[in-house]
Amino acid sequence: MLNPELRKKDLYKQGYRFAGSHSAIKPCLWLKKSLNNQGACYKNKFYGIQSERCIQSSLDIDYCNLSCVWCWRDINFKTKSQKKWDSPKEILNNLTKEHIKLIQGYGGNENVSKEKFSNANQPKHFALSLSGDACNYPRLPELLREIKKRKMTSFLVTNGTYPKMLKKILKQQPTQLYLTLPSYDEESFNKLCKPRSKELWKNILSSLKLLPKFKRNTLRLTLVKNLNLKHPEKYAKLVKNLNIKFIELKAAMCVGYATERIDYKQMPLHPEIKAFAEQLAKLINYKIIDESKESRVCLLMKRDSKDRKIQF
């Protein structure tokens, strides 16, 4: 296991940049592709998010209470949560500053769109999803309020094990809440995610019940062949009576540290994801509304709606 200083150096080599004592960013592939007019993230296709204006970030980079086998991060390195937390304003200022600093090299590239480079220097969206779980940050309601004050949007991704924090942010909601459902039952969850305490599956079930209370709620299934890409009827039983706006079924990617735990052959192809999506959709009376073959993801909804794409 790396000590904290070597860990920082390792993350730096991977493209991460720290933004304070516990937050960090890492520009994603789609930001770079968007600047070079080579496409955009599926969240652009599904929800209208401009990839070049998105800050992919983490509020607590070195702690997660799960160790999912498909995670592309180093799940062996976990420090206990910070005793001293940076303020929401500090975090957002630092994340924005590091984002702008990291993209400056694109300004001299003749292949980069001048309009998109200008947009990228004026970010409008925070993806609170990079590493760890944003719900572990105790001042999350204040941070979401501050994002809104800056007239920016936020997609908050949680593993569902923090229902108490989800209750706290009901009055200060992110633009869109993502809840990842890692498996179809407790036995499989324990085997695949190795939770750090026994009550975490119960917490996920509690969070599932809270999910419909969020205006823009999203359930995500990250799927791996021979592990959790099976038993659509069990997933259906968990979600069929919930009023979920968006359900995403996405292939887990065998990248980063995930290559040490899963094989490339376990990474589902898009036709396999779509076939599973069709099975689940039929069981819960949803429809495939959109898909991205490149990202191997399908979007299910009961019916499409005009507000699916966010207006900036």
Protein backbone atom coordinates (compact mmCIF):
# COMPACT_ATOMS: atom_id res chain seq x y z
CA MET A 1 0.00 0.00 0.00
CA LEU A 2 1.29 3.45 -0.91
CA ASN A 3 1.86 6.00 1.81
CA PRO A 4 -0.07 9.29 1.41
CA GLU A 5 2.77 11.17 -0.31
CA LEU A 6 3.47 8.40 -2.82
CA ARG A 7 -0.29 8.11 -3.34
CA LYS A 8 -0.42 11.79 -4.30
CA LYS A 9 2.42 11.35 -6.78
CA ASP A 10 0.70 8.29 -8.25
CA LEU A 11 -2.57 10.19 -8.70
CA TYR A 12 -0.72 13.13 -10.24
CA LYS A 13 0.79 10.81 -12.87
CA GLN A 14 -2.72 9.53 -13.63
CA GLY A 15 -3.89 13.07 -14.40
CA TYR A 16 -5.52 13.96 -11.08
CA ARG A 17 -5.03 17.38 -9.53
CA PHE A 18 -5.76 18.08 -5.87
CA ALA A 19 -8.01 21.02 -5.10
CA GLY A 20 -7.54 21.50 -1.39
CA SER A 21 -6.96 18.88 1.29
CA HIS A 22 -9.45 16.20 0.17
CA SER A 23 -10.96 17.19 -3.20
CA ALA A 24 -9.57 16.60 -6.68
CA ILE A 25 -10.35 16.77 -10.39
CA LYS A 26 -9.36 14.75 -13.42
CA PRO A 27 -10.34 15.94 -16.91
CA CYS A 28 -12.17 13.08 -18.59
CA LEU A 29 -11.59 11.72 -22.07
CA TRP A 30 -14.80 13.31 -23.35
CA LEU A 31 -13.72 16.82 -22.36
CA LYS A 32 -10.61 16.35 -24.51
CA LYS A 33 -12.61 14.84 -27.37
CA SER A 34 -15.15 17.64 -27.26
CA LEU A 35 -12.45 20.30 -27.49
CA ASN A 36 -11.07 18.50 -30.55
CA ASN A 37 -14.54 18.10 -32.13
CA GLN A 38 -14.32 14.32 -31.80
CA GLY A 39 -17.61 13.73 -30.04
CA ALA A 40 -19.15 14.21 -26.62
CA CYS A 41 -20.05 12.22 -23.52
CA TYR A 42 -23.29 10.26 -23.56
CA LYS A 43 -24.56 12.73 -20.94
CA ASN A 44 -24.53 15.32 -23.71
CA LYS A 45 -26.68 13.06 -25.91
CA PHE A 46 -29.02 12.06 -23.09
CA TYR A 47 -29.25 15.26 -21.02
CA GLY A 48 -27.61 18.13 -22.93
CA ILE A 49 -24.49 18.50 -20.74
CA GLN A 50 -21.66 20.24 -22.65
CA SER A 51 -18.64 17.98 -22.17
CA GLU A 52 -16.08 20.76 -22.44
CA ARG A 53 -17.80 22.71 -19.64
CA CYS A 54 -17.94 19.80 -17.21
CA ILE A 55 -15.66 19.55 -14.17
CA GLN A 56 -15.21 15.89 -13.24
CA SER A 57 -14.50 16.02 -9.54
CA SER A 58 -14.29 14.24 -6.21
CA LEU A 59 -15.10 15.68 -2.78
CA ASP A 60 -13.28 12.96 -0.82
CA ILE A 61 -10.78 11.31 -3.09
CA ASP A 62 -9.23 8.79 -0.70
CA TYR A 63 -12.20 7.17 0.99
CA CYS A 64 -14.91 4.78 -0.16
CA ASN A 65 -16.83 2.32 1.97
CA LEU A 66 -17.08 -0.20 -0.91
CA SER A 67 -14.45 -2.14 -2.87
CA CYS A 68 -16.32 -3.04 -6.06
CA VAL A 69 -14.40 -5.45 -8.25
CA TRP A 70 -15.08 -3.38 -11.40
CA CYS A 71 -13.83 -0.10 -9.92
CA TRP A 72 -11.09 1.51 -12.02
CA ARG A 73 -9.55 3.12 -8.91
CA ASP A 74 -7.01 1.75 -6.47
CA ILE A 75 -9.39 0.20 -3.92
CA ASN A 76 -6.50 -0.90 -1.70
CA PHE A 77 -5.75 2.68 -0.66
CA LYS A 78 -8.31 4.09 1.74
CA THR A 79 -7.67 6.71 4.38
CA LYS A 80 -10.24 7.51 7.02
CA SER A 81 -12.36 10.57 6.38
CA GLN A 82 -10.78 13.92 7.05
CA LYS A 83 -11.27 15.53 10.45
CA LYS A 84 -10.86 18.99 8.93
CA TRP A 85 -13.04 19.64 5.91
CA ASP A 86 -12.55 22.46 3.43
CA SER A 87 -15.44 24.89 3.03
CA PRO A 88 -17.79 24.60 0.01
CA LYS A 89 -16.54 27.89 -1.44
CA GLU A 90 -12.90 26.79 -1.10
CA ILE A 91 -13.65 23.49 -2.81
CA LEU A 92 -15.57 24.98 -5.74
CA ASN A 93 -13.04 27.77 -6.24
CA ASN A 94 -10.15 25.29 -6.24
CA LEU A 95 -11.89 22.77 -8.50
CA THR A 96 -12.68 25.50 -11.03
CA LYS A 97 -9.17 26.92 -10.84
CA GLU A 98 -7.55 23.52 -11.44
CA HIS A 99 -9.94 22.74 -14.30
CA ILE A 100 -9.08 25.97 -16.11
CA LYS A 101 -5.37 25.50 -15.45
CA LEU A 102 -5.39 21.98 -16.91
CA ILE A 103 -7.04 22.92 -20.20
CA GLN A 104 -4.80 25.88 -21.08
CA GLY A 105 -2.55 23.78 -23.30
CA TYR A 106 -5.44 23.23 -25.71
CA GLY A 107 -5.58 26.92 -26.55
CA GLY A 108 -2.56 26.69 -28.85
CA ASN A 109 -3.83 23.65 -30.76
CA GLU A 110 -5.12 24.62 -34.19
CA ASN A 111 -7.46 21.61 -34.20
CA VAL A 112 -9.28 22.81 -31.08
CA SER A 113 -12.52 24.72 -31.51
CA LYS A 114 -12.06 28.32 -30.34
CA GLU A 115 -15.68 28.44 -29.26
CA LYS A 116 -15.39 25.27 -27.19
CA PHE A 117 -12.08 26.38 -25.69
CA SER A 118 -13.79 29.60 -24.62
CA ASN A 119 -16.66 27.56 -23.17
CA ALA A 120 -14.24 25.31 -21.31
CA ASN A 121 -12.76 28.36 -19.59
CA GLN A 122 -16.26 29.12 -18.29
CA PRO A 123 -17.34 25.76 -16.83
CA LYS A 124 -21.03 25.32 -16.08
CA HIS A 125 -21.31 21.83 -14.62
CA PHE A 126 -19.90 19.80 -11.72
CA ALA A 127 -19.89 16.00 -12.00
CA LEU A 128 -19.45 14.98 -8.36
CA SER A 129 -18.51 11.44 -9.21
CA LEU A 130 -14.80 10.94 -9.66
CA SER A 131 -13.67 8.89 -6.65
CA GLY A 132 -15.10 8.08 -3.26
CA ASP A 133 -18.65 9.24 -2.51
CA ALA A 134 -19.67 12.90 -2.39
CA CYS A 135 -22.21 12.04 0.32
CA ASN A 136 -19.32 11.47 2.71
CA TYR A 137 -18.63 15.23 2.65
CA PRO A 138 -20.52 16.56 5.72
CA ARG A 139 -21.20 20.02 4.22
CA LEU A 140 -22.73 18.70 1.02
CA PRO A 141 -26.04 20.64 1.33
CA GLU A 142 -24.08 23.90 1.57
CA LEU A 143 -21.94 22.95 -1.41
CA LEU A 144 -24.99 22.19 -3.58
CA ARG A 145 -26.49 25.53 -2.55
CA GLU A 146 -23.27 27.29 -3.53
CA ILE A 147 -23.26 25.60 -6.96
CA LYS A 148 -26.77 26.92 -7.59
CA LYS A 149 -25.75 30.40 -6.45
CA ARG A 150 -23.08 30.31 -9.17
CA LYS A 151 -25.79 29.39 -11.70
CA MET A 152 -24.10 26.08 -12.40
CA THR A 153 -25.51 22.56 -12.57
CA SER A 154 -24.49 19.42 -10.70
CA PHE A 155 -24.77 15.67 -11.20
CA LEU A 156 -24.22 13.92 -7.89
CA VAL A 157 -23.32 10.22 -8.00
CA THR A 158 -23.74 8.11 -4.87
CA ASN A 159 -23.36 4.40 -4.13
CA GLY A 160 -26.55 4.58 -2.08
CA THR A 161 -25.01 3.79 1.29
CA TYR A 162 -25.63 7.28 2.75
CA PRO A 163 -29.43 7.60 3.14
CA LYS A 164 -29.04 10.06 6.03
CA MET A 165 -27.20 12.50 3.76
CA LEU A 166 -29.75 11.97 0.98
CA LYS A 167 -32.45 13.06 3.42
CA LYS A 168 -30.41 16.16 4.25
CA ILE A 169 -30.10 17.22 0.61
CA LEU A 170 -33.78 16.76 -0.24
CA LYS A 171 -34.26 20.48 0.41
CA GLN A 172 -31.10 21.37 -1.51
CA GLN A 173 -31.12 18.96 -4.42
CA PRO A 174 -28.46 18.55 -7.07
CA THR A 175 -29.58 19.12 -10.64
CA GLN A 176 -29.61 15.34 -11.07
CA LEU A 177 -29.02 12.59 -8.55
CA TYR A 178 -27.45 9.29 -9.63
CA LEU A 179 -27.78 6.23 -7.44
CA THR A 180 -25.72 3.21 -8.44
CA LEU A 181 -27.38 -0.14 -7.81
CA PRO A 182 -24.39 -2.53 -7.84
CA SER A 183 -26.25 -5.83 -7.76
CA TYR A 184 -29.61 -7.56 -7.50
CA ASP A 185 -29.43 -8.99 -3.94
CA GLU A 186 -27.44 -8.78 -0.72
CA GLU A 187 -25.45 -11.97 -1.24
CA SER A 188 -24.16 -10.84 -4.63
CA PHE A 189 -23.52 -7.32 -3.30
CA ASN A 190 -21.37 -8.62 -0.45
CA LYS A 191 -19.37 -10.78 -2.83
CA LEU A 192 -18.81 -8.13 -5.52
CA CYS A 193 -18.49 -4.93 -3.47
CA LYS A 194 -16.95 -6.13 -0.20
CA PRO A 195 -18.71 -3.52 1.98
CA ARG A 196 -16.85 -2.16 5.00
CA SER A 197 -19.84 -2.67 7.31
CA LYS A 198 -22.79 -5.05 7.46
CA GLU A 199 -25.64 -2.53 7.17
CA LEU A 200 -24.70 -1.10 3.77
CA TRP A 201 -27.09 -3.21 1.67
CA LYS A 202 -29.95 -2.10 3.95
CA ASN A 203 -28.76 1.47 3.43
CA ILE A 204 -28.95 1.00 -0.34
CA LEU A 205 -32.54 -0.25 -0.05
CA SER A 206 -33.39 2.81 2.07
CA SER A 207 -31.78 5.10 -0.50
CA LEU A 208 -33.76 3.43 -3.30
CA LYS A 209 -36.97 4.45 -1.53
CA LEU A 210 -35.69 8.03 -1.25
CA LEU A 211 -34.64 8.25 -4.90
CA PRO A 212 -38.11 9.15 -6.30
CA LYS A 213 -38.21 12.20 -4.00
CA PHE A 214 -35.52 13.84 -6.13
CA LYS A 215 -36.89 15.79 -9.08
CA ARG A 216 -34.31 14.47 -11.55
CA ASN A 217 -33.51 11.01 -10.26
CA THR A 218 -31.39 8.42 -12.02
CA LEU A 219 -30.73 4.78 -11.24
CA ARG A 220 -27.54 3.40 -12.75
CA LEU A 221 -26.67 -0.26 -13.23
CA THR A 222 -22.96 -0.80 -13.94
CA LEU A 223 -22.83 -4.27 -15.42
CA VAL A 224 -20.17 -6.98 -15.77
CA LYS A 225 -20.61 -10.27 -17.60
CA ASN A 226 -20.80 -13.34 -15.35
CA LEU A 227 -21.05 -11.12 -12.25
CA ASN A 228 -24.12 -8.87 -12.19
CA LEU A 229 -25.28 -8.87 -15.83
CA LYS A 230 -27.96 -11.42 -15.01
CA HIS A 231 -31.28 -11.88 -13.23
CA PRO A 232 -33.19 -8.93 -14.72
CA GLU A 233 -36.24 -10.16 -12.80
CA LYS A 234 -34.43 -9.53 -9.49
CA TYR A 235 -33.50 -5.97 -10.50
CA ALA A 236 -37.12 -5.48 -11.60
CA LYS A 237 -38.39 -6.59 -8.19
CA LEU A 238 -36.25 -3.92 -6.51
CA VAL A 239 -37.35 -1.01 -8.70
CA LYS A 240 -40.71 -1.77 -10.32
CA ASN A 241 -42.81 0.09 -7.72
CA LEU A 242 -40.55 3.15 -7.66
CA ASN A 243 -41.19 6.25 -9.74
CA ILE A 244 -37.71 6.51 -11.27
CA LYS A 245 -37.28 9.07 -14.02
CA PHE A 246 -34.12 7.75 -15.67
CA ILE A 247 -32.57 4.28 -15.55
CA GLU A 248 -29.15 3.83 -17.14
CA LEU A 249 -27.66 0.44 -17.92
CA LYS A 250 -23.95 0.77 -18.62
CA ALA A 251 -21.11 -1.63 -19.29
CA ALA A 252 -18.34 -1.61 -16.70
CA MET A 253 -15.07 -0.70 -18.41
CA CYS A 254 -11.96 -2.79 -17.92
CA VAL A 255 -9.63 0.18 -17.47
CA GLY A 256 -7.24 1.42 -14.79
CA TYR A 257 -7.06 -0.78 -11.69
CA ALA A 258 -10.12 -2.74 -12.84
CA THR A 259 -7.80 -4.67 -15.15
CA GLU A 260 -6.34 -6.31 -12.02
CA ARG A 261 -9.74 -7.69 -10.98
CA ILE A 262 -11.83 -8.35 -14.09
CA ASP A 263 -10.98 -9.62 -17.55
CA TYR A 264 -11.62 -7.79 -20.84
CA LYS A 265 -13.94 -10.65 -21.81
CA GLN A 266 -16.19 -9.65 -18.91
CA MET A 267 -16.75 -6.15 -20.34
CA PRO A 268 -20.18 -6.32 -22.04
CA LEU A 269 -20.54 -5.29 -25.67
CA HIS A 270 -23.23 -2.75 -26.48
CA PRO A 271 -25.60 -5.36 -28.02
CA GLU A 272 -25.38 -7.31 -24.75
CA ILE A 273 -26.21 -4.20 -22.70
CA LYS A 274 -29.11 -3.41 -25.02
CA ALA A 275 -30.49 -6.94 -24.83
CA PHE A 276 -30.41 -6.82 -21.02
CA ALA A 277 -32.00 -3.33 -21.09
CA GLU A 278 -34.82 -4.66 -23.24
CA GLN A 279 -35.46 -7.49 -20.77
CA LEU A 280 -35.55 -5.14 -17.79
CA ALA A 281 -37.66 -2.56 -19.63
CA LYS A 282 -40.29 -5.17 -20.45
CA LEU A 283 -40.47 -6.31 -16.82
CA ILE A 284 -41.01 -2.80 -15.40
CA ASN A 285 -42.97 -1.26 -18.30
CA TYR A 286 -40.24 1.17 -19.39
CA LYS A 287 -38.82 1.85 -22.87
CA ILE A 288 -35.35 2.34 -24.31
CA ILE A 289 -35.41 6.08 -25.03
CA ASP A 290 -31.80 6.62 -26.07
CA GLU A 291 -28.48 4.80 -26.31
CA SER A 292 -24.79 5.42 -26.89
CA LYS A 293 -22.99 2.56 -28.63
CA GLU A 294 -19.56 4.06 -27.99
CA SER A 295 -20.14 4.28 -24.23
CA ARG A 296 -22.14 1.04 -24.15
CA VAL A 297 -25.08 2.54 -22.29
CA CYS A 298 -28.86 2.55 -22.69
CA LEU A 299 -31.37 4.97 -21.17
CA LEU A 300 -34.75 3.72 -19.99
CA MET A 301 -37.75 5.90 -19.20
CA LYS A 302 -41.47 5.31 -18.89
CA ARG A 303 -41.83 7.90 -21.63
CA ASP A 304 -39.61 10.61 -23.06
CA SER A 305 -40.08 14.16 -21.83
CA LYS A 306 -39.21 17.66 -23.02
CA ASP A 307 -37.22 18.37 -19.88
CA ARG A 308 -34.87 15.41 -20.40
CA LYS A 309 -32.26 17.77 -21.87
CA ILE A 310 -31.27 20.52 -19.47
CA GLN A 311 -31.58 24.08 -20.74
CA PHE A 312 -28.56 26.25 -19.93
